């Protein structure tokens, strides 16, 4: 059981206490925190250009500054939409486990986690609805878990991958003075909270995997590793949304997506986004 494993880990217990206390100390009211201007300038970056999907590609060289700004606007809306959908899914998974048998010990932190993530979903949705739209949720990838312990491992590994991908963007855009103050603010606040969630997630995933590894066959471990790698690729490729390219006024959006996904720049971009995540997953032994 998860709580039994955590209760035997004094380091993890100490981290849980510190993170719960930090959540209380850093609490803010998002409904009062943000000032939402009526509109945001269209002739500027809405996402750091280095984080856009065309950066460093031949496609970017074909686009005008106006087109690149429009693309950054729509990619920004897509990124926050992915946050809305991703947070909704993780809230469902964590809520299913709070105060259930085996998850007694982390449930206090789950309360902070659920409250903070709900507020994150609100301000990301608010941004999208005020300045554009919420893009549709992309199709996911499923995996059949042979046992409940494997299912929980995959759930929290997915959450961790999602949070680390998002935080890579948040941490950079929070400090980018080329962006509007409103954009910087929501990225800064999200990064502040996600740093706690990632710290918790890494500890929990490590504990869960240690037990799964002890009770699994090599084939089962290979299957877990393969699924996690597929999920990382899937999550990254949701950034490449043909509807975004269409809304930015770019012709042949599906062809552009294929071109960008096949570009050497995409592979390097993915490595940079997942550099810390991949290192952690490899060190833990989840991916090989």
C-alpha atoms as a PDB file:
ATOM      1  CA  UNK A   1       0.000   0.000   0.000  1.00  0.00           C
ATOM      2  CA  UNK A   2       1.201   3.520  -0.807  1.00  0.00           C
ATOM      3  CA  UNK A   3       0.774   4.902   2.706  1.00  0.00           C
ATOM      4  CA  UNK A   4       2.732   2.008   4.188  1.00  0.00           C
ATOM      5  CA  UNK A   5       5.618   2.692   1.820  1.00  0.00           C
ATOM      6  CA  UNK A   6       5.561   6.424   2.618  1.00  0.00           C
ATOM      7  CA  UNK A   7       5.315   5.814   6.379  1.00  0.00           C
ATOM      8  CA  UNK A   8       8.536   3.806   6.173  1.00  0.00           C
ATOM      9  CA  UNK A   9      10.290   6.678   4.381  1.00  0.00           C
ATOM     10  CA  UNK A  10      11.241   9.432   6.834  1.00  0.00           C
ATOM     11  CA  UNK A  11      12.619  11.591   4.037  1.00  0.00           C
ATOM     12  CA  UNK A  12       9.320  11.497   2.144  1.00  0.00           C
ATOM     13  CA  UNK A  13       7.330  12.207   5.320  1.00  0.00           C
ATOM     14  CA  UNK A  14       9.466  15.288   5.942  1.00  0.00           C
ATOM     15  CA  UNK A  15       8.968  16.462   2.359  1.00  0.00           C
ATOM     16  CA  UNK A  16       5.194  16.010   2.673  1.00  0.00           C
ATOM     17  CA  UNK A  17       5.129  18.151   5.809  1.00  0.00           C
ATOM     18  CA  UNK A  18       7.237  20.894   4.222  1.00  0.00           C
ATOM     19  CA  UNK A  19       5.223  20.967   1.018  1.00  0.00           C
ATOM     20  CA  UNK A  20       1.898  21.100   2.868  1.00  0.00           C
ATOM     21  CA  UNK A  21       3.167  23.958   5.039  1.00  0.00           C
ATOM     22  CA  UNK A  22       4.481  25.791   1.985  1.00  0.00           C
ATOM     23  CA  UNK A  23       1.091  25.470   0.292  1.00  0.00           C
ATOM     24  CA  UNK A  24      -0.511  27.216   3.262  1.00  0.00           C
ATOM     25  CA  UNK A  25       2.150  29.928   3.421  1.00  0.00           C
ATOM     26  CA  UNK A  26       1.996  30.654  -0.326  1.00  0.00           C
ATOM     27  CA  UNK A  27      -1.796  30.595  -0.599  1.00  0.00           C
ATOM     28  CA  UNK A  28      -3.344  33.284  -2.793  1.00  0.00           C
ATOM     29  CA  UNK A  29      -6.804  34.058  -4.130  1.00  0.00           C
ATOM     30  CA  UNK A  30      -6.570  33.784  -7.928  1.00  0.00           C
ATOM     31  CA  UNK A  31      -9.964  35.405  -8.379  1.00  0.00           C
ATOM     32  CA  UNK A  32      -8.542  38.612  -6.894  1.00  0.00           C
ATOM     33  CA  UNK A  33      -4.901  38.245  -7.901  1.00  0.00           C
ATOM     34  CA  UNK A  34      -5.094  38.805 -11.652  1.00  0.00           C
ATOM     35  CA  UNK A  35      -5.989  41.968 -13.500  1.00  0.00           C
ATOM     36  CA  UNK A  36      -7.454  41.061 -16.864  1.00  0.00           C
ATOM     37  CA  UNK A  37      -7.116  43.790 -19.518  1.00  0.00           C
ATOM     38  CA  UNK A  38      -9.905  43.985 -22.077  1.00  0.00           C
ATOM     39  CA  UNK A  39      -7.504  42.849 -24.786  1.00  0.00           C
ATOM     40  CA  UNK A  40      -3.852  42.023 -25.364  1.00  0.00           C
ATOM     41  CA  UNK A  41      -1.740  43.533 -28.169  1.00  0.00           C
ATOM     42  CA  UNK A  42      -1.701  41.377 -31.274  1.00  0.00           C
ATOM     43  CA  UNK A  43       1.550  42.760 -32.687  1.00  0.00           C
ATOM     44  CA  UNK A  44       3.731  41.115 -30.049  1.00  0.00           C
ATOM     45  CA  UNK A  45       4.720  37.688 -28.784  1.00  0.00           C
ATOM     46  CA  UNK A  46       2.161  35.776 -26.725  1.00  0.00           C
ATOM     47  CA  UNK A  47       4.626  32.926 -26.220  1.00  0.00           C
ATOM     48  CA  UNK A  48       8.399  33.072 -26.104  1.00  0.00           C
ATOM     49  CA  UNK A  49       9.426  32.574 -29.748  1.00  0.00           C
ATOM     50  CA  UNK A  50      11.956  29.903 -28.749  1.00  0.00           C
ATOM     51  CA  UNK A  51       9.027  27.837 -27.419  1.00  0.00           C
ATOM     52  CA  UNK A  52       6.907  28.012 -30.560  1.00  0.00           C
ATOM     53  CA  UNK A  53       6.786  24.938 -32.773  1.00  0.00           C
ATOM     54  CA  UNK A  54       8.262  26.669 -35.825  1.00  0.00           C
ATOM     55  CA  UNK A  55      11.314  28.076 -34.044  1.00  0.00           C
ATOM     56  CA  UNK A  56      14.575  27.128 -35.742  1.00  0.00           C
ATOM     57  CA  UNK A  57      12.842  25.556 -38.732  1.00  0.00           C
ATOM     58  CA  UNK A  58      12.659  26.417 -42.414  1.00  0.00           C
ATOM     59  CA  UNK A  59       8.963  27.105 -41.929  1.00  0.00           C
ATOM     60  CA  UNK A  60       9.717  30.028 -39.618  1.00  0.00           C
ATOM     61  CA  UNK A  61      11.896  31.616 -42.288  1.00  0.00           C
ATOM     62  CA  UNK A  62       8.949  31.599 -44.691  1.00  0.00           C
ATOM     63  CA  UNK A  63       6.644  33.438 -42.292  1.00  0.00           C
ATOM     64  CA  UNK A  64       6.387  37.206 -41.789  1.00  0.00           C
ATOM     65  CA  UNK A  65       6.677  38.817 -38.355  1.00  0.00           C
ATOM     66  CA  UNK A  66       2.910  39.326 -38.395  1.00  0.00           C
ATOM     67  CA  UNK A  67       2.355  35.636 -39.071  1.00  0.00           C
ATOM     68  CA  UNK A  68       4.825  34.600 -36.383  1.00  0.00           C
ATOM     69  CA  UNK A  69       3.072  36.820 -33.832  1.00  0.00           C
ATOM     70  CA  UNK A  70      -0.297  35.383 -34.861  1.00  0.00           C
ATOM     71  CA  UNK A  71       1.108  31.882 -34.544  1.00  0.00           C
ATOM     72  CA  UNK A  72       2.481  32.616 -31.079  1.00  0.00           C
ATOM     73  CA  UNK A  73      -0.960  33.903 -30.071  1.00  0.00           C
ATOM     74  CA  UNK A  74      -2.726  30.717 -31.142  1.00  0.00           C
ATOM     75  CA  UNK A  75       0.013  28.450 -29.754  1.00  0.00           C
ATOM     76  CA  UNK A  76      -0.301  30.273 -26.461  1.00  0.00           C
ATOM     77  CA  UNK A  77      -4.042  29.568 -26.405  1.00  0.00           C
ATOM     78  CA  UNK A  78      -3.393  25.928 -27.325  1.00  0.00           C
ATOM     79  CA  UNK A  79      -0.833  25.584 -24.541  1.00  0.00           C
ATOM     80  CA  UNK A  80      -3.238  26.933 -21.913  1.00  0.00           C
ATOM     81  CA  UNK A  81      -6.018  24.758 -23.359  1.00  0.00           C
ATOM     82  CA  UNK A  82      -3.789  21.709 -22.901  1.00  0.00           C
ATOM     83  CA  UNK A  83      -3.355  22.809 -19.294  1.00  0.00           C
ATOM     84  CA  UNK A  84      -7.130  22.980 -18.834  1.00  0.00           C
ATOM     85  CA  UNK A  85      -7.631  19.479 -20.221  1.00  0.00           C
ATOM     86  CA  UNK A  86      -4.597  17.996 -18.484  1.00  0.00           C
ATOM     87  CA  UNK A  87      -5.560  19.445 -15.112  1.00  0.00           C
ATOM     88  CA  UNK A  88      -9.119  18.155 -15.438  1.00  0.00           C
ATOM     89  CA  UNK A  89      -7.791  14.631 -16.038  1.00  0.00           C
ATOM     90  CA  UNK A  90      -5.311  14.690 -13.177  1.00  0.00           C
ATOM     91  CA  UNK A  91      -7.974  16.058 -10.810  1.00  0.00           C
ATOM     92  CA  UNK A  92     -10.173  13.076 -11.666  1.00  0.00           C
ATOM     93  CA  UNK A  93      -7.331  10.620 -11.011  1.00  0.00           C
ATOM     94  CA  UNK A  94      -6.187  12.194  -7.742  1.00  0.00           C
ATOM     95  CA  UNK A  95      -9.736  12.686  -6.430  1.00  0.00           C
ATOM     96  CA  UNK A  96     -10.389   8.975  -6.993  1.00  0.00           C
ATOM     97  CA  UNK A  97      -7.559   8.201  -4.582  1.00  0.00           C
ATOM     98  CA  UNK A  98      -7.888  10.818  -1.851  1.00  0.00           C
ATOM     99  CA  UNK A  99      -8.905   9.286   1.493  1.00  0.00           C
ATOM    100  CA  UNK A 100      -9.030   5.792   0.036  1.00  0.00           C
ATOM    101  CA  UNK A 101      -7.326   2.723   1.442  1.00  0.00           C
ATOM    102  CA  UNK A 102      -3.607   2.901   0.818  1.00  0.00           C
ATOM    103  CA  UNK A 103      -3.509   6.648   0.183  1.00  0.00           C
ATOM    104  CA  UNK A 104      -4.171   7.844   3.737  1.00  0.00           C
ATOM    105  CA  UNK A 105      -0.775   9.472   4.304  1.00  0.00           C
ATOM    106  CA  UNK A 106      -0.566  11.652   1.156  1.00  0.00           C
ATOM    107  CA  UNK A 107      -4.236  12.703   1.378  1.00  0.00           C
ATOM    108  CA  UNK A 108      -3.537  15.914   3.306  1.00  0.00           C
ATOM    109  CA  UNK A 109      -1.222  17.077   0.525  1.00  0.00           C
ATOM    110  CA  UNK A 110      -3.771  15.879  -2.042  1.00  0.00           C
ATOM    111  CA  UNK A 111      -6.168  18.482  -0.634  1.00  0.00           C
ATOM    112  CA  UNK A 112      -3.665  21.257  -1.348  1.00  0.00           C
ATOM    113  CA  UNK A 113      -2.868  19.736  -4.730  1.00  0.00           C
ATOM    114  CA  UNK A 114      -6.521  19.499  -5.778  1.00  0.00           C
ATOM    115  CA  UNK A 115      -7.307  23.026  -4.588  1.00  0.00           C
ATOM    116  CA  UNK A 116      -4.334  24.551  -6.361  1.00  0.00           C
ATOM    117  CA  UNK A 117      -4.878  22.635  -9.582  1.00  0.00           C
ATOM    118  CA  UNK A 118      -8.537  23.619  -9.675  1.00  0.00           C
ATOM    119  CA  UNK A 119      -7.498  27.266  -9.429  1.00  0.00           C
ATOM    120  CA  UNK A 120      -4.873  26.779 -12.133  1.00  0.00           C
ATOM    121  CA  UNK A 121      -7.530  25.322 -14.427  1.00  0.00           C
ATOM    122  CA  UNK A 122      -9.722  28.364 -13.750  1.00  0.00           C
ATOM    123  CA  UNK A 123      -7.135  30.998 -14.653  1.00  0.00           C
ATOM    124  CA  UNK A 124      -5.916  29.132 -17.738  1.00  0.00           C
ATOM    125  CA  UNK A 125      -9.520  28.760 -18.937  1.00  0.00           C
ATOM    126  CA  UNK A 126     -10.209  32.402 -18.103  1.00  0.00           C
ATOM    127  CA  UNK A 127      -7.272  33.498 -20.242  1.00  0.00           C
ATOM    128  CA  UNK A 128      -8.420  31.375 -23.179  1.00  0.00           C
ATOM    129  CA  UNK A 129     -12.036  32.515 -23.001  1.00  0.00           C
ATOM    130  CA  UNK A 130     -11.135  36.210 -22.636  1.00  0.00           C
ATOM    131  CA  UNK A 131      -8.556  36.342 -25.411  1.00  0.00           C
ATOM    132  CA  UNK A 132      -9.450  33.519 -27.777  1.00  0.00           C
ATOM    133  CA  UNK A 133     -10.912  30.089 -27.163  1.00  0.00           C
ATOM    134  CA  UNK A 134     -10.283  26.755 -25.509  1.00  0.00           C
ATOM    135  CA  UNK A 135      -8.993  24.305 -28.086  1.00  0.00           C
ATOM    136  CA  UNK A 136     -10.485  20.819 -28.100  1.00  0.00           C
ATOM    137  CA  UNK A 137      -8.909  18.093 -26.011  1.00  0.00           C
ATOM    138  CA  UNK A 138      -6.634  15.886 -28.122  1.00  0.00           C
ATOM    139  CA  UNK A 139      -7.139  12.136 -28.167  1.00  0.00           C
ATOM    140  CA  UNK A 140      -5.128  10.264 -25.565  1.00  0.00           C
ATOM    141  CA  UNK A 141      -3.241   6.987 -25.457  1.00  0.00           C
ATOM    142  CA  UNK A 142      -4.417   4.187 -23.228  1.00  0.00           C
ATOM    143  CA  UNK A 143      -2.601   1.438 -21.402  1.00  0.00           C
ATOM    144  CA  UNK A 144      -3.985  -1.653 -19.707  1.00  0.00           C
ATOM    145  CA  UNK A 145      -2.536  -1.911 -16.234  1.00  0.00           C
ATOM    146  CA  UNK A 146      -2.266  -5.530 -15.031  1.00  0.00           C
ATOM    147  CA  UNK A 147      -2.569  -4.555 -11.350  1.00  0.00           C
ATOM    148  CA  UNK A 148      -3.800  -1.591  -9.258  1.00  0.00           C
ATOM    149  CA  UNK A 149      -0.246  -0.748  -8.177  1.00  0.00           C
ATOM    150  CA  UNK A 150       0.838  -0.464 -11.819  1.00  0.00           C
ATOM    151  CA  UNK A 151      -2.224   1.651 -12.598  1.00  0.00           C
ATOM    152  CA  UNK A 152      -1.334   4.096  -9.805  1.00  0.00           C
ATOM    153  CA  UNK A 153       2.272   4.227 -10.982  1.00  0.00           C
ATOM    154  CA  UNK A 154       1.180   5.086 -14.533  1.00  0.00           C
ATOM    155  CA  UNK A 155      -1.316   7.688 -13.282  1.00  0.00           C
ATOM    156  CA  UNK A 156       1.236   9.590 -11.223  1.00  0.00           C
ATOM    157  CA  UNK A 157       3.952   9.189 -13.844  1.00  0.00           C
ATOM    158  CA  UNK A 158       1.643  10.757 -16.432  1.00  0.00           C
ATOM    159  CA  UNK A 159       0.866  13.600 -14.035  1.00  0.00           C
ATOM    160  CA  UNK A 160       4.566  14.178 -13.403  1.00  0.00           C
ATOM    161  CA  UNK A 161       5.434  14.198 -17.119  1.00  0.00           C
ATOM    162  CA  UNK A 162       2.610  16.631 -17.835  1.00  0.00           C
ATOM    163  CA  UNK A 163       3.642  18.945 -15.005  1.00  0.00           C
ATOM    164  CA  UNK A 164       7.320  18.941 -15.936  1.00  0.00           C
ATOM    165  CA  UNK A 165       6.535  19.665 -19.602  1.00  0.00           C
ATOM    166  CA  UNK A 166       4.272  22.557 -18.623  1.00  0.00           C
ATOM    167  CA  UNK A 167       6.731  23.908 -16.073  1.00  0.00           C
ATOM    168  CA  UNK A 168       9.483  24.068 -18.691  1.00  0.00           C
ATOM    169  CA  UNK A 169       7.324  26.584 -20.557  1.00  0.00           C
ATOM    170  CA  UNK A 170       6.104  28.394 -17.434  1.00  0.00           C
ATOM    171  CA  UNK A 171       9.564  29.003 -16.011  1.00  0.00           C
ATOM    172  CA  UNK A 172      10.801  30.562 -19.238  1.00  0.00           C
ATOM    173  CA  UNK A 173       7.749  32.672 -20.042  1.00  0.00           C
ATOM    174  CA  UNK A 174       7.528  33.996 -16.480  1.00  0.00           C
ATOM    175  CA  UNK A 175      10.841  35.807 -17.042  1.00  0.00           C
ATOM    176  CA  UNK A 176      10.395  36.857 -20.678  1.00  0.00           C
ATOM    177  CA  UNK A 177       9.967  40.640 -20.871  1.00  0.00           C
ATOM    178  CA  UNK A 178       8.904  40.345 -24.519  1.00  0.00           C
ATOM    179  CA  UNK A 179       5.559  39.044 -23.239  1.00  0.00           C
ATOM    180  CA  UNK A 180       2.640  40.997 -21.806  1.00  0.00           C
ATOM    181  CA  UNK A 181       2.548  41.306 -18.011  1.00  0.00           C
ATOM    182  CA  UNK A 182      -0.649  39.236 -17.837  1.00  0.00           C
ATOM    183  CA  UNK A 183       1.003  36.341 -19.659  1.00  0.00           C
ATOM    184  CA  UNK A 184       4.091  36.535 -17.499  1.00  0.00           C
ATOM    185  CA  UNK A 185       1.968  36.631 -14.338  1.00  0.00           C
ATOM    186  CA  UNK A 186      -0.023  33.459 -14.989  1.00  0.00           C
ATOM    187  CA  UNK A 187       3.140  31.599 -15.920  1.00  0.00           C
ATOM    188  CA  UNK A 188       4.944  32.879 -12.822  1.00  0.00           C
ATOM    189  CA  UNK A 189       2.157  31.854 -10.458  1.00  0.00           C
ATOM    190  CA  UNK A 190       1.778  28.446 -12.045  1.00  0.00           C
ATOM    191  CA  UNK A 191       5.514  27.805 -11.858  1.00  0.00           C
ATOM    192  CA  UNK A 192       5.481  28.719  -8.166  1.00  0.00           C
ATOM    193  CA  UNK A 193       2.884  26.056  -7.380  1.00  0.00           C
ATOM    194  CA  UNK A 194       4.149  23.453  -9.827  1.00  0.00           C
ATOM    195  CA  UNK A 195       7.561  23.399  -8.189  1.00  0.00           C
ATOM    196  CA  UNK A 196       5.864  21.877  -5.122  1.00  0.00           C
ATOM    197  CA  UNK A 197       3.766  19.474  -7.161  1.00  0.00           C
ATOM    198  CA  UNK A 198       6.799  18.244  -9.097  1.00  0.00           C
ATOM    199  CA  UNK A 199       8.797  17.725  -5.900  1.00  0.00           C
ATOM    200  CA  UNK A 200       5.928  15.653  -4.481  1.00  0.00           C
ATOM    201  CA  UNK A 201       5.390  13.791  -7.746  1.00  0.00           C
ATOM    202  CA  UNK A 202       8.997  12.719  -8.064  1.00  0.00           C
ATOM    203  CA  UNK A 203       9.048  11.310  -4.546  1.00  0.00           C
ATOM    204  CA  UNK A 204       5.743   9.501  -4.993  1.00  0.00           C
ATOM    205  CA  UNK A 205       6.629   8.020  -8.381  1.00  0.00           C
ATOM    206  CA  UNK A 206       9.964   6.781  -7.021  1.00  0.00           C
ATOM    207  CA  UNK A 207       8.254   5.008  -4.138  1.00  0.00           C
ATOM    208  CA  UNK A 208       5.557   3.531  -6.372  1.00  0.00           C
ATOM    209  CA  UNK A 209       8.029   2.255  -8.922  1.00  0.00           C
ATOM    210  CA  UNK A 210      10.308   0.691  -6.338  1.00  0.00           C
ATOM    211  CA  UNK A 211       7.407  -1.514  -5.245  1.00  0.00           C
ATOM    212  CA  UNK A 212       6.240  -2.255  -8.797  1.00  0.00           C
ATOM    213  CA  UNK A 213       9.766  -3.219  -9.831  1.00  0.00           C
ATOM    214  CA  UNK A 214       9.999  -5.610  -6.884  1.00  0.00           C
ATOM    215  CA  UNK A 215       6.831  -7.453  -7.905  1.00  0.00           C
ATOM    216  CA  UNK A 216       6.963  -7.299 -11.721  1.00  0.00           C
ATOM    217  CA  UNK A 217       8.469  -9.435 -14.453  1.00  0.00           C
ATOM    218  CA  UNK A 218      11.022  -8.027 -16.894  1.00  0.00           C
ATOM    219  CA  UNK A 219       8.365  -8.053 -19.624  1.00  0.00           C
ATOM    220  CA  UNK A 220       6.003  -6.010 -17.446  1.00  0.00           C
ATOM    221  CA  UNK A 221       8.760  -3.504 -16.731  1.00  0.00           C
ATOM    222  CA  UNK A 222       9.535  -3.288 -20.451  1.00  0.00           C
ATOM    223  CA  UNK A 223       5.850  -2.623 -21.148  1.00  0.00           C
ATOM    224  CA  UNK A 224       5.783   0.151 -18.545  1.00  0.00           C
ATOM    225  CA  UNK A 225       8.899   1.755 -20.025  1.00  0.00           C
ATOM    226  CA  UNK A 226       7.493   1.580 -23.556  1.00  0.00           C
ATOM    227  CA  UNK A 227       4.201   3.150 -22.490  1.00  0.00           C
ATOM    228  CA  UNK A 228       5.905   5.980 -20.605  1.00  0.00           C
ATOM    229  CA  UNK A 229       8.049   6.783 -23.651  1.00  0.00           C
ATOM    230  CA  UNK A 230       4.962   6.793 -25.883  1.00  0.00           C
ATOM    231  CA  UNK A 231       3.177   9.080 -23.450  1.00  0.00           C
ATOM    232  CA  UNK A 232       6.076  11.549 -23.434  1.00  0.00           C
ATOM    233  CA  UNK A 233       6.068  11.707 -27.227  1.00  0.00           C
ATOM    234  CA  UNK A 234       2.276  12.004 -27.355  1.00  0.00           C
ATOM    235  CA  UNK A 235       2.273  14.843 -24.802  1.00  0.00           C
ATOM    236  CA  UNK A 236       4.957  16.761 -26.660  1.00  0.00           C
ATOM    237  CA  UNK A 237       3.233  16.374 -30.017  1.00  0.00           C
ATOM    238  CA  UNK A 238      -0.010  17.880 -28.676  1.00  0.00           C
ATOM    239  CA  UNK A 239       1.829  21.204 -28.951  1.00  0.00           C
ATOM    240  CA  UNK A 240       1.746  20.735 -32.748  1.00  0.00           C
ATOM    241  CA  UNK A 241      -1.929  21.420 -33.384  1.00  0.00           C
ATOM    242  CA  UNK A 242      -3.018  21.852 -37.030  1.00  0.00           C
ATOM    243  CA  UNK A 243      -6.070  23.849 -35.899  1.00  0.00           C
ATOM    244  CA  UNK A 244      -3.641  26.353 -34.360  1.00  0.00           C
ATOM    245  CA  UNK A 245      -1.860  26.758 -37.685  1.00  0.00           C
ATOM    246  CA  UNK A 246      -5.190  27.146 -39.466  1.00  0.00           C
ATOM    247  CA  UNK A 247      -6.398  29.791 -36.996  1.00  0.00           C
ATOM    248  CA  UNK A 248      -3.119  31.665 -37.407  1.00  0.00           C
ATOM    249  CA  UNK A 249      -3.904  31.980 -41.114  1.00  0.00           C
ATOM    250  CA  UNK A 250      -1.291  29.506 -42.339  1.00  0.00           C
ATOM    251  CA  UNK A 251      -2.126  27.523 -45.449  1.00  0.00           C
ATOM    252  CA  UNK A 252      -2.054  23.718 -45.492  1.00  0.00           C
ATOM    253  CA  UNK A 253      -1.883  23.281 -41.689  1.00  0.00           C
ATOM    254  CA  UNK A 254      -1.696  19.478 -41.791  1.00  0.00           C
ATOM    255  CA  UNK A 255       1.275  19.632 -44.147  1.00  0.00           C
ATOM    256  CA  UNK A 256       2.962  22.167 -41.878  1.00  0.00           C
ATOM    257  CA  UNK A 257       2.469  19.882 -38.868  1.00  0.00           C
ATOM    258  CA  UNK A 258       4.079  16.950 -40.697  1.00  0.00           C
ATOM    259  CA  UNK A 259       6.966  19.152 -41.795  1.00  0.00           C
ATOM    260  CA  UNK A 260       7.556  20.412 -38.261  1.00  0.00           C
ATOM    261  CA  UNK A 261       7.361  16.973 -36.656  1.00  0.00           C
ATOM    262  CA  UNK A 262       9.916  15.646 -39.140  1.00  0.00           C
ATOM    263  CA  UNK A 263      12.265  18.602 -38.637  1.00  0.00           C
ATOM    264  CA  UNK A 264      15.588  18.081 -36.785  1.00  0.00           C
ATOM    265  CA  UNK A 265      14.613  21.130 -34.733  1.00  0.00           C
ATOM    266  CA  UNK A 266      11.650  19.218 -33.288  1.00  0.00           C
ATOM    267  CA  UNK A 267      13.877  16.442 -31.982  1.00  0.00           C
ATOM    268  CA  UNK A 268      16.185  18.946 -30.319  1.00  0.00           C
ATOM    269  CA  UNK A 269      13.223  20.877 -28.912  1.00  0.00           C
ATOM    270  CA  UNK A 270      11.784  17.705 -27.399  1.00  0.00           C
ATOM    271  CA  UNK A 271      15.129  16.776 -25.845  1.00  0.00           C
ATOM    272  CA  UNK A 272      15.448  20.221 -24.266  1.00  0.00           C
ATOM    273  CA  UNK A 273      11.896  20.168 -22.879  1.00  0.00           C
ATOM    274  CA  UNK A 274      12.296  16.681 -21.373  1.00  0.00           C
ATOM    275  CA  UNK A 275      15.963  16.908 -20.391  1.00  0.00           C
ATOM    276  CA  UNK A 276      15.343  16.891 -16.627  1.00  0.00           C
ATOM    277  CA  UNK A 277      12.347  14.572 -16.861  1.00  0.00           C
ATOM    278  CA  UNK A 278      14.160  11.946 -18.925  1.00  0.00           C
ATOM    279  CA  UNK A 279      17.175  12.072 -16.618  1.00  0.00           C
ATOM    280  CA  UNK A 280      14.925  11.458 -13.602  1.00  0.00           C
ATOM    281  CA  UNK A 281      12.972   8.629 -15.261  1.00  0.00           C
ATOM    282  CA  UNK A 282      16.185   6.932 -16.401  1.00  0.00           C
ATOM    283  CA  UNK A 283      17.814   7.274 -12.985  1.00  0.00           C
ATOM    284  CA  UNK A 284      14.715   5.841 -11.334  1.00  0.00           C
ATOM    285  CA  UNK A 285      14.683   2.976 -13.834  1.00  0.00           C
ATOM    286  CA  UNK A 286      11.203   3.613 -15.226  1.00  0.00           C
ATOM    287  CA  UNK A 287      12.569   4.123 -18.719  1.00  0.00           C
ATOM    288  CA  UNK A 288      15.637   2.302 -19.980  1.00  0.00           C
END
